[in-house]
Amino acid sequence: MINEVVTPSTSLPGADAETERLVLASAQTGNIQEVFRHLGTKWSRGYLGFWRIPVARGVPVNHKFAQEKGRSLLHVAVSKGNLELTRALLAIQDVDVNALDNDLNTSVHLACNMGSTLVLSLLVAHPQVLLNVKNRLGQTPLWCAVSGCYQTTAYMVLMAHAELALDARGLSTENQQSYTAHELARHKRLIDLENSIKARTEDDVHFRATVKLALPDAGQLIPAGPMIPISNDKPENSLSNLFCF
């Protein structure tokens, strides 16, 4: 059977302002049941603590809220540090994990800006996540983590299995200077992190040695396997056997 390609909707049911207000308010307060009730999407909680979202055609998961700087529901969940809502949204197959807000920030940028390691662990495990996106100031997620001196967060990005644009230059709002992540770590006097970023570009064995020295438990911060999106078309290939209905 050929699976249909479903284009994610970016508009809310009826596109009325009241529905948008209710969805946003529910997301900001972390009320997951209300978020999906107002979106017209059912939900249930599994006995293992996971969330299963039976995705309806055209689910408006990628709607952007003008009053929230063009942020999506995923942006809002991440900005509030809401693990369960973040997990629920990432379980939707059509979610855009790389959606941009008005400042060209992805949800990964927000997590790195806040040093939210647990939320970031969910995002970097998503198979479609991009870690080299530059925001309006040229800052990558790694750059944001270094800027905030969030060393654990920075190491999580460095340890991700992805090619990182370590030569990308971002603009600092503190002094209007342009830095790479390596230069910024030096400027912030984060010596261990500076060495790890440099090693990441040179030798994998050396890099892992610097990480182990600076952050012994870093290897436990990244989930062992990727998050598996729940399928719209083939429930037998989803994680449905793990959930209660």
Protein backbone atom coordinates (compact mmCIF):
# COMPACT_ATOMS: atom_id res chain seq x y z
CA MET A 1 0.00 0.00 0.00
CA ILE A 2 1.30 3.45 -0.91
CA ASN A 3 1.27 5.89 1.97
CA GLU A 4 -0.22 9.29 1.29
CA VAL A 5 1.91 12.32 1.96
CA VAL A 6 0.09 14.49 4.48
CA THR A 7 1.04 18.15 4.51
CA PRO A 8 1.06 19.54 8.06
CA SER A 9 -1.49 22.29 8.65
CA THR A 10 -0.28 25.57 10.14
CA SER A 11 -3.74 26.95 10.85
CA LEU A 12 -6.01 26.17 13.78
CA PRO A 13 -9.51 24.67 13.44
CA GLY A 14 -11.73 27.46 12.18
CA ALA A 15 -8.73 29.83 12.39
CA ASP A 16 -10.54 31.85 15.06
CA ALA A 17 -8.76 34.02 17.59
CA GLU A 18 -10.50 32.44 20.59
CA THR A 19 -9.29 28.92 19.72
CA GLU A 20 -5.78 30.26 19.23
CA ARG A 21 -5.92 31.98 22.62
CA LEU A 22 -7.12 28.82 24.38
CA VAL A 23 -4.45 26.63 22.76
CA LEU A 24 -1.67 29.07 23.61
CA ALA A 25 -2.87 29.59 27.19
CA SER A 26 -3.04 25.83 27.73
CA ALA A 27 0.46 25.36 26.32
CA GLN A 28 1.87 28.13 28.52
CA THR A 29 0.38 26.59 31.67
CA GLY A 30 1.44 23.07 30.67
CA ASN A 31 -2.07 21.63 30.51
CA ILE A 32 -1.51 18.95 27.87
CA GLN A 33 -5.07 17.63 27.94
CA GLU A 34 -6.46 21.08 27.21
CA VAL A 35 -3.90 21.75 24.46
CA PHE A 36 -5.02 18.75 22.47
CA ARG A 37 -8.70 19.21 23.33
CA HIS A 38 -8.66 22.66 21.80
CA LEU A 39 -6.77 21.32 18.80
CA GLY A 40 -9.43 18.66 18.33
CA THR A 41 -6.86 15.90 18.87
CA LYS A 42 -7.32 13.04 21.31
CA TRP A 43 -4.59 11.93 23.66
CA SER A 44 -3.96 9.30 26.31
CA ARG A 45 -1.19 8.49 28.72
CA GLY A 46 0.55 5.13 28.57
CA TYR A 47 1.40 3.03 31.59
CA LEU A 48 5.12 3.55 30.87
CA GLY A 49 4.71 7.29 31.19
CA PHE A 50 4.79 8.07 27.46
CA TRP A 51 2.24 10.12 25.57
CA ARG A 52 0.56 8.74 22.48
CA ILE A 53 -1.09 11.21 20.10
CA PRO A 54 -3.38 9.60 17.51
CA VAL A 55 -2.67 12.13 14.76
CA ALA A 56 -5.64 13.39 12.81
CA ARG A 57 -5.23 14.55 9.21
CA GLY A 58 -4.22 18.19 9.17
CA VAL A 59 -3.32 18.42 12.86
CA PRO A 60 -2.23 22.05 13.36
CA VAL A 61 0.86 21.22 15.37
CA ASN A 62 3.04 23.69 13.44
CA HIS A 63 0.80 26.72 13.83
CA LYS A 64 2.78 29.87 14.66
CA PHE A 65 1.46 32.34 17.22
CA ALA A 66 1.90 35.98 16.22
CA GLN A 67 1.66 37.16 19.83
CA GLU A 68 4.54 34.80 20.75
CA LYS A 69 7.07 36.15 18.23
CA GLY A 70 5.92 33.66 15.61
CA ARG A 71 6.67 30.67 17.81
CA SER A 72 5.12 27.24 17.35
CA LEU A 73 3.64 25.06 20.09
CA LEU A 74 6.97 23.24 20.29
CA HIS A 75 8.77 26.56 20.82
CA VAL A 76 6.32 27.41 23.62
CA ALA A 77 6.68 24.01 25.30
CA VAL A 78 10.48 24.24 25.19
CA SER A 79 10.54 27.85 26.41
CA LYS A 80 8.48 26.77 29.44
CA GLY A 81 10.73 23.79 30.10
CA ASN A 82 7.72 21.48 29.82
CA LEU A 83 9.09 17.98 29.27
CA GLU A 84 5.79 16.16 28.87
CA LEU A 85 4.32 18.62 26.36
CA THR A 86 7.60 18.63 24.43
CA ARG A 87 7.57 14.83 24.32
CA ALA A 88 3.92 14.78 23.25
CA LEU A 89 4.52 17.21 20.38
CA LEU A 90 7.66 15.40 19.21
CA ALA A 91 5.65 12.17 19.06
CA ILE A 92 3.52 13.67 16.27
CA GLN A 93 4.94 12.54 12.95
CA ASP A 94 4.35 15.86 11.18
CA VAL A 95 5.83 18.12 13.83
CA ASP A 96 8.44 20.53 12.46
CA VAL A 97 11.25 20.21 15.00
CA ASN A 98 13.20 22.84 13.04
CA ALA A 99 10.44 25.47 12.86
CA LEU A 100 11.72 29.06 13.04
CA ASP A 101 10.29 31.92 15.05
CA ASN A 102 10.51 35.59 14.02
CA ASP A 103 14.14 35.72 15.21
CA LEU A 104 14.96 32.56 13.22
CA ASN A 105 15.40 30.54 16.39
CA THR A 106 14.54 26.84 16.42
CA SER A 107 13.36 25.08 19.56
CA VAL A 108 16.93 23.83 19.98
CA HIS A 109 18.13 27.44 20.12
CA LEU A 110 15.66 28.13 22.94
CA ALA A 111 16.70 25.06 24.92
CA CYS A 112 20.38 26.02 24.56
CA ASN A 113 19.68 29.64 25.49
CA MET A 114 18.08 28.43 28.73
CA GLY A 115 20.45 25.56 29.51
CA SER A 116 17.50 23.13 29.53
CA THR A 117 19.38 19.83 29.36
CA LEU A 118 16.38 17.51 29.79
CA VAL A 119 14.33 19.24 27.10
CA LEU A 120 17.38 19.36 24.84
CA SER A 121 17.88 15.61 25.25
CA LEU A 122 14.44 15.07 23.67
CA LEU A 123 15.14 17.47 20.81
CA VAL A 124 18.57 16.14 19.83
CA ALA A 125 17.16 12.59 19.80
CA HIS A 126 14.66 13.51 17.08
CA PRO A 127 15.79 12.04 13.73
CA GLN A 128 15.06 15.24 11.79
CA VAL A 129 16.64 17.80 14.12
CA LEU A 130 19.15 20.24 12.63
CA LEU A 131 21.90 21.59 14.87
CA ASN A 132 23.56 24.09 12.53
CA VAL A 133 20.66 26.48 11.99
CA LYS A 134 21.70 30.11 12.44
CA ASN A 135 19.32 32.63 13.95
CA ARG A 136 19.05 36.26 12.92
CA LEU A 137 22.32 37.06 14.73
CA GLY A 138 24.16 34.17 13.11
CA GLN A 139 24.12 32.15 16.33
CA THR A 140 23.91 28.36 16.25
CA PRO A 141 22.48 26.33 19.16
CA LEU A 142 26.03 25.51 20.30
CA TRP A 143 26.92 29.20 20.20
CA CYS A 144 23.89 29.98 22.39
CA ALA A 145 24.86 27.35 24.97
CA VAL A 146 28.42 28.70 25.16
CA SER A 147 27.15 32.27 25.40
CA GLY A 148 25.07 31.40 28.46
CA CYS A 149 27.98 29.44 30.00
CA TYR A 150 25.77 26.34 29.96
CA GLN A 151 28.60 23.85 29.64
CA THR A 152 26.55 20.66 30.02
CA THR A 153 24.15 21.88 27.34
CA ALA A 154 27.07 22.70 25.04
CA TYR A 155 28.57 19.25 25.55
CA MET A 156 25.23 17.65 24.65
CA VAL A 157 25.28 19.43 21.29
CA LEU A 158 28.94 18.58 20.74
CA MET A 159 28.26 14.90 21.47
CA ALA A 160 25.39 14.65 18.99
CA HIS A 161 26.11 12.50 15.96
CA ALA A 162 26.05 15.35 13.47
CA GLU A 163 28.41 17.53 11.50
CA LEU A 164 28.61 20.80 13.35
CA ALA A 165 29.36 24.16 11.76
CA LEU A 166 31.99 25.07 14.32
CA ASP A 167 33.30 27.92 12.18
CA ALA A 168 29.93 29.72 12.22
CA ARG A 169 30.20 33.23 13.64
CA GLY A 170 27.51 34.70 15.84
CA LEU A 171 27.06 38.27 17.03
CA SER A 172 27.26 38.90 20.77
CA THR A 173 24.65 41.33 22.07
CA GLU A 174 26.93 42.08 25.03
CA ASN A 175 29.72 43.76 23.07
CA GLN A 176 28.57 43.59 19.43
CA GLN A 177 31.57 41.39 18.59
CA SER A 178 31.47 38.38 16.30
CA TYR A 179 32.77 35.04 17.60
CA THR A 180 32.88 31.40 16.67
CA ALA A 181 31.79 29.02 19.46
CA HIS A 182 35.46 28.23 20.13
CA GLU A 183 36.41 31.90 20.33
CA LEU A 184 33.42 32.61 22.55
CA ALA A 185 34.39 29.83 24.96
CA ARG A 186 37.85 31.38 25.18
CA HIS A 187 36.31 34.83 25.73
CA LYS A 188 34.13 33.40 28.52
CA ARG A 189 37.18 31.63 29.99
CA LEU A 190 35.53 28.22 29.68
CA ILE A 191 38.84 26.44 29.22
CA ASP A 192 37.62 22.82 29.22
CA LEU A 193 34.85 23.64 26.78
CA GLU A 194 37.25 25.59 24.57
CA ASN A 195 39.53 22.55 24.39
CA SER A 196 36.61 20.21 23.64
CA ILE A 197 35.32 22.37 20.78
CA LYS A 198 38.80 22.49 19.28
CA ALA A 199 39.20 18.72 19.68
CA ARG A 200 35.80 18.13 18.03
CA THR A 201 37.27 19.45 14.78
CA GLU A 202 40.50 17.48 14.97
CA ASP A 203 40.30 14.01 16.45
CA ASP A 204 37.33 12.03 17.76
CA VAL A 205 39.34 10.08 20.33
CA HIS A 206 40.90 13.26 21.69
CA PHE A 207 37.49 14.92 21.78
CA ARG A 208 35.93 12.11 23.80
CA ALA A 209 38.86 12.22 26.19
CA THR A 210 38.37 15.95 26.81
CA VAL A 211 34.64 15.44 27.38
CA LYS A 212 35.23 12.60 29.83
CA LEU A 213 37.72 14.73 31.72
CA ALA A 214 35.48 17.82 31.84
CA LEU A 215 32.13 16.08 32.30
CA PRO A 216 32.37 12.44 33.47
CA ASP A 217 28.60 11.79 33.22
CA ALA A 218 28.13 13.44 29.81
CA GLY A 219 27.56 10.12 28.06
CA GLN A 220 24.41 9.56 30.11
CA LEU A 221 22.77 12.78 28.93
CA ILE A 222 21.91 11.65 25.40
CA PRO A 223 19.24 8.95 24.89
CA ALA A 224 20.69 5.75 23.46
CA GLY A 225 18.37 5.67 20.44
CA PRO A 226 16.39 8.15 18.34
CA MET A 227 12.83 9.06 19.15
CA ILE A 228 10.47 7.15 16.86
CA PRO A 229 7.63 9.34 15.56
CA ILE A 230 4.20 7.74 15.74
CA SER A 231 2.94 6.93 12.26
CA ASN A 232 -0.29 8.29 10.82
CA ASP A 233 -0.67 5.52 8.29
CA LYS A 234 0.85 2.40 9.80
CA PRO A 235 -0.06 2.04 13.47
CA GLU A 236 1.44 -1.44 13.44
CA ASN A 237 4.84 0.19 12.87
CA SER A 238 4.40 2.73 15.63
CA LEU A 239 4.91 2.53 19.38
CA SER A 240 1.20 1.84 19.95
CA ASN A 241 1.92 -1.44 21.72
CA LEU A 242 3.49 0.57 24.55
CA PHE A 243 0.48 2.72 25.28
CA CYS A 244 -2.87 2.44 27.02
CA PHE A 245 -5.99 3.69 25.24
